[in-house]
Amino acid sequence: MPSSPQTPVFQLQTIDPERYRRETRRSSLIVLLSFAVLAMNCATLTVHLFDDPQQGSVVWNLLGVLLGLLITALLVRTVYWSLPWMASARYGWRLKRCLMRIGNAMHRLERAEAAGDPEALRILRFYHLGVDQMQTLEGGGRLDDDTDPLRKRVLASLHARGLVPEQTRFEAHWDAHLKRLPAAD
């Protein structure tokens, strides 16, 4: 299938790694502080409302903390997620989800690539570019296309077929393609 004109599931963007790390640290700190405040207040509330002085309050404290965790998760998904200061964390989370989907089918993709499947080539190239970007954003080292045999082979196959090597979009139809790849023998 050729690249789809429909909206991609994910598009790699050019992001300054320092800005990404600064913004993800900030958003993580805000979520952590939200959890701390909610957990302490919920633990205090559950102890105040349900504590039996003769049995101790450990269970009520624990339930209050778990309630704080649940409220924090809901707060992140319903309120924080769409706010501008969560953009970098949201981008990183979505990129990692795409890479995980591909990684879960890596053996099948490598077999399809070896059999000459052009969609497998595109998906693998997106994966390599996505991994490179994630490693750059998080401050790790990058793999070189010339030193990794699979990367080198994928890039050469893309060039040989006249396909664009800059696969920066995770296309919507790739999920279905990944599911259709035959399982290991």
N, C-alpha and C. Protein backbone atom coordinates (compact mmCIF):
# COMPACT_ATOMS: atom_id res chain seq x y z
N MET A 1 0.83 -1.18 0.00
CA MET A 1 0.00 0.00 0.00
C MET A 1 0.88 1.25 0.00
N PRO A 2 0.64 2.21 -0.84
CA PRO A 2 1.42 3.44 -0.80
C PRO A 2 1.05 4.26 0.43
N SER A 3 1.88 5.27 0.72
CA SER A 3 1.59 6.13 1.86
C SER A 3 0.21 6.75 1.70
N SER A 4 -0.52 6.76 2.78
CA SER A 4 -1.90 7.21 2.77
C SER A 4 -1.99 8.73 2.86
N PRO A 5 -2.94 9.35 2.13
CA PRO A 5 -3.12 10.79 2.24
C PRO A 5 -3.86 11.17 3.53
N GLN A 6 -4.43 10.18 4.24
CA GLN A 6 -5.15 10.50 5.46
C GLN A 6 -4.19 10.92 6.57
N THR A 7 -4.74 11.45 7.62
CA THR A 7 -3.95 11.92 8.74
C THR A 7 -3.16 10.77 9.35
N PRO A 8 -1.85 10.98 9.58
CA PRO A 8 -1.06 9.91 10.19
C PRO A 8 -1.42 9.75 11.66
N VAL A 9 -1.15 8.56 12.19
CA VAL A 9 -1.35 8.32 13.61
C VAL A 9 -0.35 9.16 14.40
N PHE A 10 0.86 9.31 13.83
CA PHE A 10 1.90 10.07 14.50
C PHE A 10 2.85 10.65 13.47
N GLN A 11 3.33 11.85 13.73
CA GLN A 11 4.26 12.54 12.85
C GLN A 11 5.48 12.97 13.67
N LEU A 12 6.69 12.54 13.25
CA LEU A 12 7.90 13.00 13.92
C LEU A 12 8.03 14.50 13.71
N GLN A 13 8.43 15.19 14.77
CA GLN A 13 8.60 16.64 14.71
C GLN A 13 10.03 16.98 15.09
N THR A 14 10.47 18.14 14.65
CA THR A 14 11.78 18.63 15.06
C THR A 14 11.61 19.32 16.40
N ILE A 15 12.27 18.79 17.42
CA ILE A 15 12.14 19.31 18.78
C ILE A 15 13.53 19.48 19.36
N ASP A 16 13.75 20.60 20.02
CA ASP A 16 15.02 20.85 20.70
C ASP A 16 15.11 19.93 21.92
N PRO A 17 16.13 19.07 21.98
CA PRO A 17 16.24 18.11 23.09
C PRO A 17 16.30 18.78 24.47
N GLU A 18 16.99 19.90 24.59
CA GLU A 18 17.06 20.59 25.89
C GLU A 18 15.68 21.09 26.31
N ARG A 19 14.96 21.66 25.37
CA ARG A 19 13.60 22.13 25.67
C ARG A 19 12.70 20.96 26.05
N TYR A 20 12.82 19.85 25.31
CA TYR A 20 12.02 18.66 25.60
C TYR A 20 12.28 18.17 27.03
N ARG A 21 13.56 18.05 27.39
CA ARG A 21 13.89 17.56 28.73
C ARG A 21 13.42 18.53 29.81
N ARG A 22 13.58 19.82 29.57
CA ARG A 22 13.13 20.83 30.53
C ARG A 22 11.61 20.75 30.72
N GLU A 23 10.88 20.67 29.61
CA GLU A 23 9.42 20.63 29.70
C GLU A 23 8.91 19.33 30.31
N THR A 24 9.54 18.20 29.99
CA THR A 24 9.08 16.94 30.58
C THR A 24 9.42 16.88 32.07
N ARG A 25 10.55 17.45 32.46
CA ARG A 25 10.86 17.53 33.90
C ARG A 25 9.81 18.37 34.62
N ARG A 26 9.44 19.50 34.01
CA ARG A 26 8.45 20.40 34.61
C ARG A 26 7.09 19.70 34.74
N SER A 27 6.65 19.06 33.67
CA SER A 27 5.34 18.39 33.72
C SER A 27 5.36 17.22 34.71
N SER A 28 6.49 16.50 34.77
CA SER A 28 6.60 15.41 35.74
C SER A 28 6.54 15.93 37.17
N LEU A 29 7.19 17.05 37.41
CA LEU A 29 7.17 17.65 38.74
C LEU A 29 5.76 18.10 39.12
N ILE A 30 5.05 18.69 38.18
CA ILE A 30 3.68 19.13 38.46
C ILE A 30 2.79 17.93 38.79
N VAL A 31 2.91 16.85 38.02
CA VAL A 31 2.11 15.65 38.28
C VAL A 31 2.50 15.04 39.62
N LEU A 32 3.79 14.99 39.92
CA LEU A 32 4.26 14.44 41.19
C LEU A 32 3.75 15.26 42.37
N LEU A 33 3.82 16.58 42.26
CA LEU A 33 3.31 17.44 43.34
C LEU A 33 1.79 17.29 43.49
N SER A 34 1.10 17.17 42.38
CA SER A 34 -0.35 16.96 42.44
C SER A 34 -0.67 15.67 43.18
N PHE A 35 0.08 14.60 42.86
CA PHE A 35 -0.12 13.33 43.54
C PHE A 35 0.18 13.46 45.03
N ALA A 36 1.29 14.12 45.38
CA ALA A 36 1.66 14.25 46.79
C ALA A 36 0.57 14.97 47.58
N VAL A 37 0.09 16.08 47.03
CA VAL A 37 -0.96 16.85 47.72
C VAL A 37 -2.25 16.03 47.82
N LEU A 38 -2.65 15.43 46.71
CA LEU A 38 -3.88 14.63 46.73
C LEU A 38 -3.77 13.41 47.64
N ALA A 39 -2.65 12.72 47.60
CA ALA A 39 -2.47 11.53 48.43
C ALA A 39 -2.49 11.89 49.91
N MET A 40 -1.78 12.95 50.27
CA MET A 40 -1.79 13.35 51.69
C MET A 40 -3.17 13.78 52.15
N ASN A 41 -3.84 14.56 51.33
CA ASN A 41 -5.18 15.02 51.72
C ASN A 41 -6.19 13.88 51.74
N CYS A 42 -6.12 12.98 50.78
CA CYS A 42 -7.04 11.84 50.78
C CYS A 42 -6.76 10.91 51.95
N ALA A 43 -5.48 10.70 52.27
CA ALA A 43 -5.14 9.85 53.42
C ALA A 43 -5.66 10.49 54.71
N THR A 44 -5.49 11.78 54.85
CA THR A 44 -5.99 12.48 56.03
C THR A 44 -7.51 12.38 56.12
N LEU A 45 -8.17 12.57 54.99
CA LEU A 45 -9.63 12.51 54.95
C LEU A 45 -10.15 11.11 55.30
N THR A 46 -9.56 10.08 54.71
CA THR A 46 -10.04 8.72 54.99
C THR A 46 -9.79 8.34 56.45
N VAL A 47 -8.67 8.75 57.00
CA VAL A 47 -8.41 8.48 58.43
C VAL A 47 -9.41 9.23 59.28
N HIS A 48 -9.66 10.48 58.94
CA HIS A 48 -10.60 11.30 59.71
C HIS A 48 -12.03 10.73 59.66
N LEU A 49 -12.42 10.26 58.48
CA LEU A 49 -13.80 9.77 58.33
C LEU A 49 -14.01 8.34 58.81
N PHE A 50 -13.02 7.47 58.65
CA PHE A 50 -13.27 6.04 58.87
C PHE A 50 -12.41 5.39 59.95
N ASP A 51 -11.49 6.12 60.53
CA ASP A 51 -10.54 5.51 61.47
C ASP A 51 -11.23 5.02 62.73
N ASP A 52 -10.81 3.85 63.16
CA ASP A 52 -11.23 3.29 64.44
C ASP A 52 -10.00 3.33 65.34
N PRO A 53 -9.98 4.15 66.37
CA PRO A 53 -8.77 4.34 67.20
C PRO A 53 -8.21 3.04 67.78
N GLN A 54 -9.02 2.03 67.92
CA GLN A 54 -8.53 0.79 68.50
C GLN A 54 -7.88 -0.13 67.47
N GLN A 55 -8.03 0.15 66.18
CA GLN A 55 -7.46 -0.73 65.16
C GLN A 55 -6.28 -0.09 64.41
N GLY A 56 -6.04 1.16 64.57
CA GLY A 56 -4.95 1.82 63.84
C GLY A 56 -5.43 2.37 62.51
N SER A 57 -4.59 3.18 61.90
CA SER A 57 -5.03 3.89 60.69
C SER A 57 -4.21 3.55 59.45
N VAL A 58 -3.39 2.52 59.51
CA VAL A 58 -2.53 2.18 58.37
C VAL A 58 -3.36 1.86 57.13
N VAL A 59 -4.39 1.07 57.29
CA VAL A 59 -5.22 0.68 56.14
C VAL A 59 -5.90 1.91 55.54
N TRP A 60 -6.41 2.80 56.39
CA TRP A 60 -7.09 4.00 55.88
C TRP A 60 -6.11 4.95 55.22
N ASN A 61 -4.89 5.04 55.76
CA ASN A 61 -3.85 5.84 55.11
C ASN A 61 -3.53 5.29 53.72
N LEU A 62 -3.36 3.99 53.64
CA LEU A 62 -3.04 3.35 52.37
C LEU A 62 -4.18 3.55 51.36
N LEU A 63 -5.40 3.35 51.80
CA LEU A 63 -6.54 3.57 50.90
C LEU A 63 -6.62 5.02 50.45
N GLY A 64 -6.30 5.96 51.34
CA GLY A 64 -6.29 7.37 50.98
C GLY A 64 -5.23 7.67 49.93
N VAL A 65 -4.05 7.07 50.08
CA VAL A 65 -2.98 7.25 49.09
C VAL A 65 -3.40 6.66 47.75
N LEU A 66 -4.00 5.48 47.76
CA LEU A 66 -4.48 4.86 46.52
C LEU A 66 -5.56 5.71 45.87
N LEU A 67 -6.43 6.29 46.67
CA LEU A 67 -7.45 7.20 46.15
C LEU A 67 -6.79 8.43 45.53
N GLY A 68 -5.75 8.95 46.19
CA GLY A 68 -5.00 10.08 45.64
C GLY A 68 -4.35 9.72 44.30
N LEU A 69 -3.84 8.50 44.19
CA LEU A 69 -3.25 8.03 42.94
C LEU A 69 -4.30 7.97 41.83
N LEU A 70 -5.46 7.43 42.15
CA LEU A 70 -6.55 7.33 41.18
C LEU A 70 -7.00 8.73 40.72
N ILE A 71 -7.15 9.64 41.65
CA ILE A 71 -7.57 11.00 41.30
C ILE A 71 -6.50 11.68 40.46
N THR A 72 -5.23 11.47 40.78
CA THR A 72 -4.13 12.05 39.99
C THR A 72 -4.17 11.52 38.56
N ALA A 73 -4.37 10.21 38.40
CA ALA A 73 -4.45 9.62 37.06
C ALA A 73 -5.61 10.23 36.27
N LEU A 74 -6.74 10.38 36.91
CA LEU A 74 -7.89 11.00 36.24
C LEU A 74 -7.61 12.46 35.89
N LEU A 75 -6.96 13.16 36.80
CA LEU A 75 -6.61 14.57 36.57
C LEU A 75 -5.67 14.71 35.37
N VAL A 76 -4.68 13.82 35.30
CA VAL A 76 -3.74 13.87 34.17
C VAL A 76 -4.47 13.61 32.86
N ARG A 77 -5.29 12.58 32.82
CA ARG A 77 -5.97 12.21 31.57
C ARG A 77 -7.06 13.20 31.16
N THR A 78 -7.76 13.80 32.11
CA THR A 78 -8.90 14.65 31.75
C THR A 78 -8.58 16.14 31.73
N VAL A 79 -7.62 16.59 32.53
CA VAL A 79 -7.34 18.03 32.61
C VAL A 79 -5.95 18.35 32.08
N TYR A 80 -4.93 17.76 32.67
CA TYR A 80 -3.56 18.12 32.33
C TYR A 80 -3.18 17.76 30.89
N TRP A 81 -3.65 16.61 30.40
CA TRP A 81 -3.21 16.07 29.12
C TRP A 81 -3.31 17.06 27.97
N SER A 82 -4.32 17.89 27.96
CA SER A 82 -4.53 18.81 26.84
C SER A 82 -3.88 20.18 27.06
N LEU A 83 -3.26 20.39 28.21
CA LEU A 83 -2.67 21.69 28.49
C LEU A 83 -1.32 21.85 27.78
N PRO A 84 -0.97 23.08 27.41
CA PRO A 84 0.26 23.32 26.65
C PRO A 84 1.53 22.83 27.35
N TRP A 85 1.62 22.92 28.65
CA TRP A 85 2.83 22.51 29.35
C TRP A 85 3.03 20.99 29.35
N MET A 86 2.05 20.24 28.89
CA MET A 86 2.18 18.78 28.76
C MET A 86 2.54 18.36 27.34
N ALA A 87 2.73 19.30 26.43
CA ALA A 87 2.94 18.97 25.01
C ALA A 87 4.15 18.06 24.81
N SER A 88 5.26 18.34 25.43
CA SER A 88 6.46 17.52 25.24
C SER A 88 6.26 16.12 25.82
N ALA A 89 5.67 16.03 27.00
CA ALA A 89 5.42 14.72 27.60
C ALA A 89 4.43 13.93 26.75
N ARG A 90 3.43 14.61 26.23
CA ARG A 90 2.43 13.96 25.37
C ARG A 90 3.09 13.45 24.09
N TYR A 91 3.96 14.26 23.49
CA TYR A 91 4.68 13.87 22.28
C TYR A 91 5.54 12.63 22.55
N GLY A 92 6.31 12.67 23.63
CA GLY A 92 7.16 11.53 23.98
C GLY A 92 6.37 10.27 24.23
N TRP A 93 5.24 10.39 24.91
CA TRP A 93 4.39 9.24 25.20
C TRP A 93 3.85 8.65 23.91
N ARG A 94 3.37 9.50 23.00
CA ARG A 94 2.82 9.01 21.73
C ARG A 94 3.90 8.36 20.86
N LEU A 95 5.10 8.96 20.84
CA LEU A 95 6.19 8.38 20.07
C LEU A 95 6.55 7.00 20.63
N LYS A 96 6.67 6.90 21.94
CA LYS A 96 7.00 5.61 22.55
C LYS A 96 5.93 4.56 22.28
N ARG A 97 4.66 4.96 22.26
CA ARG A 97 3.57 4.03 21.95
C ARG A 97 3.72 3.49 20.52
N CYS A 98 4.03 4.37 19.57
CA CYS A 98 4.23 3.92 18.18
C CYS A 98 5.42 2.98 18.09
N LEU A 99 6.51 3.33 18.74
CA LEU A 99 7.71 2.49 18.71
C LEU A 99 7.44 1.14 19.36
N MET A 100 6.63 1.13 20.42
CA MET A 100 6.30 -0.12 21.09
C MET A 100 5.47 -1.02 20.17
N ARG A 101 4.51 -0.43 19.46
CA ARG A 101 3.70 -1.23 18.53
C ARG A 101 4.58 -1.90 17.48
N ILE A 102 5.52 -1.15 16.97
CA ILE A 102 6.42 -1.70 15.96
C ILE A 102 7.35 -2.73 16.60
N GLY A 103 7.89 -2.39 17.76
CA GLY A 103 8.80 -3.30 18.45
C GLY A 103 8.17 -4.64 18.76
N ASN A 104 6.88 -4.64 19.06
CA ASN A 104 6.18 -5.89 19.35
C ASN A 104 6.06 -6.80 18.13
N ALA A 105 6.21 -6.22 16.95
CA ALA A 105 6.12 -7.01 15.71
C ALA A 105 7.46 -7.07 14.98
N MET A 106 8.55 -6.78 15.70
CA MET A 106 9.85 -6.64 15.04
C MET A 106 10.29 -7.90 14.29
N HIS A 107 10.16 -9.07 14.89
CA HIS A 107 10.60 -10.29 14.20
C HIS A 107 9.80 -10.51 12.92
N ARG A 108 8.50 -10.28 13.00
CA ARG A 108 7.66 -10.44 11.80
C ARG A 108 8.00 -9.39 10.76
N LEU A 109 8.29 -8.16 11.20
CA LEU A 109 8.67 -7.09 10.28
C LEU A 109 9.99 -7.40 9.58
N GLU A 110 10.95 -7.93 10.33
CA GLU A 110 12.24 -8.26 9.74
C GLU A 110 12.09 -9.35 8.68
N ARG A 111 11.23 -10.32 8.95
CA ARG A 111 10.98 -11.37 7.94
C ARG A 111 10.30 -10.78 6.71
N ALA A 112 9.33 -9.89 6.92
CA ALA A 112 8.64 -9.26 5.80
C ALA A 112 9.60 -8.37 5.00
N GLU A 113 10.48 -7.68 5.70
CA GLU A 113 11.49 -6.85 5.02
C GLU A 113 12.40 -7.72 4.17
N ALA A 114 12.84 -8.85 4.72
CA ALA A 114 13.71 -9.76 3.99
C ALA A 114 13.01 -10.33 2.76
N ALA A 115 11.66 -10.44 2.83
CA ALA A 115 10.88 -10.94 1.70
C ALA A 115 10.56 -9.83 0.70
N GLY A 116 10.97 -8.60 0.99
CA GLY A 116 10.78 -7.50 0.03
C GLY A 116 9.50 -6.70 0.20
N ASP A 117 8.85 -6.78 1.35
CA ASP A 117 7.62 -6.03 1.62
C ASP A 117 7.94 -4.54 1.76
N PRO A 118 7.47 -3.68 0.82
CA PRO A 118 7.80 -2.25 0.90
C PRO A 118 7.20 -1.55 2.13
N GLU A 119 6.04 -1.99 2.59
CA GLU A 119 5.46 -1.40 3.80
C GLU A 119 6.31 -1.73 5.02
N ALA A 120 6.85 -2.95 5.06
CA ALA A 120 7.73 -3.32 6.17
C ALA A 120 8.97 -2.43 6.16
N LEU A 121 9.49 -2.13 4.97
CA LEU A 121 10.65 -1.23 4.86
C LEU A 121 10.31 0.15 5.41
N ARG A 122 9.16 0.68 5.04
CA ARG A 122 8.75 2.00 5.52
C ARG A 122 8.57 2.00 7.04
N ILE A 123 7.92 0.97 7.55
CA ILE A 123 7.68 0.89 8.99
C ILE A 123 9.01 0.78 9.74
N LEU A 124 9.91 -0.06 9.25
CA LEU A 124 11.21 -0.20 9.91
C LEU A 124 11.99 1.11 9.88
N ARG A 125 11.93 1.81 8.76
CA ARG A 125 12.64 3.09 8.67
C ARG A 125 12.04 4.11 9.65
N PHE A 126 10.71 4.16 9.74
CA PHE A 126 10.10 5.05 10.74
C PHE A 126 10.57 4.67 12.13
N TYR A 127 10.62 3.37 12.41
CA TYR A 127 11.07 2.89 13.71
C TYR A 127 12.49 3.37 14.01
N HIS A 128 13.38 3.21 13.04
CA HIS A 128 14.77 3.64 13.24
C HIS A 128 14.87 5.13 13.48
N LEU A 129 14.13 5.92 12.70
CA LEU A 129 14.14 7.37 12.89
C LEU A 129 13.52 7.76 14.23
N GLY A 130 12.45 7.06 14.61
CA GLY A 130 11.79 7.33 15.90
C GLY A 130 12.67 6.99 17.08
N VAL A 131 13.36 5.85 17.01
CA VAL A 131 14.28 5.47 18.08
C VAL A 131 15.41 6.48 18.18
N ASP A 132 15.95 6.89 17.04
CA ASP A 132 17.00 7.91 17.04
C ASP A 132 16.52 9.18 17.72
N GLN A 133 15.31 9.61 17.36
CA GLN A 133 14.79 10.84 17.95
C GLN A 133 14.57 10.69 19.45
N MET A 134 14.00 9.57 19.88
CA MET A 134 13.75 9.37 21.30
C MET A 134 15.06 9.36 22.07
N GLN A 135 16.08 8.70 21.53
CA GLN A 135 17.38 8.68 22.20
C GLN A 135 17.99 10.07 22.27
N THR A 136 17.83 10.85 21.22
CA THR A 136 18.34 12.23 21.20
C THR A 136 17.58 13.08 22.22
N LEU A 137 16.26 12.96 22.23
CA LEU A 137 15.45 13.76 23.16
C LEU A 137 15.76 13.44 24.62
N GLU A 138 16.01 12.17 24.89
CA GLU A 138 16.25 11.77 26.27
C GLU A 138 17.73 11.81 26.65
N GLY A 139 18.58 12.27 25.73
CA GLY A 139 19.99 12.46 26.05
C GLY A 139 20.86 11.24 25.87
N GLY A 140 20.38 10.23 25.16
CA GLY A 140 21.19 9.04 24.90
C GLY A 140 21.92 9.17 23.58
N GLY A 141 22.72 8.17 23.27
CA GLY A 141 23.46 8.17 22.01
C GLY A 141 22.58 7.66 20.87
N ARG A 142 22.98 7.97 19.66
CA ARG A 142 22.27 7.51 18.46
C ARG A 142 23.01 6.37 17.82
N LEU A 143 22.26 5.48 17.19
CA LEU A 143 22.87 4.44 16.36
C LEU A 143 23.09 5.02 14.98
N ASP A 144 24.13 4.59 14.34
CA ASP A 144 24.46 5.08 13.01
C ASP A 144 23.90 4.11 11.97
N ASP A 145 23.31 4.66 10.91
CA ASP A 145 22.78 3.82 9.84
C ASP A 145 23.85 2.95 9.20
N ASP A 146 25.11 3.40 9.25
CA ASP A 146 26.20 2.65 8.62
C ASP A 146 26.73 1.51 9.48
N THR A 147 26.48 1.54 10.79
CA THR A 147 27.04 0.51 11.66
C THR A 147 26.04 -0.60 12.01
N ASP A 148 24.77 -0.34 11.89
CA ASP A 148 23.74 -1.34 12.20
C ASP A 148 23.34 -2.04 10.90
N PRO A 149 23.55 -3.37 10.81
CA PRO A 149 23.27 -4.08 9.55
C PRO A 149 21.82 -3.96 9.09
N LEU A 150 20.84 -4.06 10.00
CA LEU A 150 19.43 -3.95 9.59
C LEU A 150 19.14 -2.56 9.06
N ARG A 151 19.60 -1.54 9.76
CA ARG A 151 19.38 -0.16 9.30
C ARG A 151 19.99 0.05 7.92
N LYS A 152 21.19 -0.45 7.75
CA LYS A 152 21.90 -0.31 6.48
C LYS A 152 21.13 -1.00 5.36
N ARG A 153 20.64 -2.21 5.63
CA ARG A 153 19.90 -2.99 4.63
C ARG A 153 18.56 -2.31 4.30
N VAL A 154 17.86 -1.82 5.32
CA VAL A 154 16.58 -1.14 5.09
C VAL A 154 16.79 0.10 4.24
N LEU A 155 17.78 0.89 4.59
CA LEU A 155 18.06 2.12 3.84
C LEU A 155 18.43 1.81 2.39
N ALA A 156 19.26 0.80 2.19
CA ALA A 156 19.65 0.41 0.83
C ALA A 156 18.43 -0.08 0.04
N SER A 157 17.56 -0.87 0.68
CA SER A 157 16.36 -1.38 0.00
C SER A 157 15.41 -0.24 -0.36
N LEU A 158 15.27 0.73 0.53
CA LEU A 158 14.41 1.89 0.22
C LEU A 158 14.95 2.63 -1.00
N HIS A 159 16.26 2.88 -1.02
CA HIS A 159 16.87 3.57 -2.15
C HIS A 159 16.72 2.75 -3.44
N ALA A 160 16.94 1.44 -3.36
CA ALA A 160 16.86 0.57 -4.53
C ALA A 160 15.45 0.57 -5.12
N ARG A 161 14.43 0.69 -4.28
CA ARG A 161 13.03 0.68 -4.74
C ARG A 161 12.53 2.09 -5.08
N GLY A 162 13.36 3.08 -4.88
CA GLY A 162 12.95 4.46 -5.15
C GLY A 162 11.99 5.00 -4.11
N LEU A 163 12.02 4.43 -2.91
CA LEU A 163 11.15 4.88 -1.82
C LEU A 163 11.86 5.95 -0.99
N VAL A 164 11.11 6.86 -0.46
CA VAL A 164 11.65 7.96 0.34
C VAL A 164 12.21 7.43 1.66
N PRO A 165 13.48 7.70 1.97
CA PRO A 165 14.05 7.18 3.22
C PRO A 165 13.59 7.95 4.46
N GLU A 166 13.09 9.16 4.30
CA GLU A 166 12.62 9.94 5.45
C GLU A 166 11.17 9.59 5.75
N GLN A 167 10.98 8.48 6.43
CA GLN A 167 9.64 8.02 6.82
C GLN A 167 9.32 8.61 8.18
N THR A 168 8.80 9.83 8.20
CA THR A 168 8.58 10.55 9.46
C THR A 168 7.13 10.45 9.95
N ARG A 169 6.31 9.67 9.26
CA ARG A 169 4.90 9.54 9.65
C ARG A 169 4.58 8.08 9.94
N PHE A 170 3.92 7.84 11.07
CA PHE A 170 3.37 6.51 11.34
C PHE A 170 1.96 6.54 10.77
N GLU A 171 1.80 5.90 9.64
CA GLU A 171 0.53 5.95 8.91
C GLU A 171 -0.55 5.12 9.59
N ALA A 172 -1.79 5.55 9.44
CA ALA A 172 -2.92 4.87 10.08
C ALA A 172 -3.06 3.42 9.64
N HIS A 173 -2.78 3.13 8.37
CA HIS A 173 -2.95 1.76 7.87
C HIS A 173 -1.81 0.83 8.29
N TRP A 174 -0.76 1.34 8.89
CA TRP A 174 0.35 0.49 9.31
C TRP A 174 -0.04 -0.44 10.46
N ASP A 175 -0.93 0.00 11.33
CA ASP A 175 -1.40 -0.89 12.40
C ASP A 175 -2.01 -2.16 11.82
N ALA A 176 -2.87 -2.00 10.83
CA ALA A 176 -3.49 -3.17 10.19
C ALA A 176 -2.44 -4.01 9.49
N HIS A 177 -1.46 -3.37 8.87
CA HIS A 177 -0.40 -4.12 8.19
C HIS A 177 0.41 -4.94 9.21
N LEU A 178 0.72 -4.34 10.35
CA LEU A 178 1.46 -5.06 11.39
C LEU A 178 0.69 -6.29 11.86
N LYS A 179 -0.63 -6.16 11.99
CA LYS A 179 -1.46 -7.28 12.45
C LYS A 179 -1.56 -8.40 11.41
N ARG A 180 -1.45 -8.03 10.13
CA ARG A 180 -1.56 -9.01 9.07
C ARG A 180 -0.27 -9.79 8.83
N LEU A 181 0.84 -9.33 9.35
CA LEU A 181 2.10 -10.04 9.13
C LEU A 181 2.02 -11.41 9.76
N PRO A 182 2.50 -12.43 9.05
CA PRO A 182 2.40 -13.80 9.58
C PRO A 182 3.25 -13.97 10.84
N ALA A 183 2.73 -14.77 11.76
CA ALA A 183 3.43 -15.03 13.03
C ALA A 183 4.63 -15.91 12.78
N ALA A 184 5.48 -16.01 13.78
CA ALA A 184 6.69 -16.84 13.67
C ALA A 184 6.30 -18.30 13.46
N ASP A 185 7.17 -19.02 12.76
CA ASP A 185 6.90 -20.44 12.47
C ASP A 185 7.04 -21.29 13.69
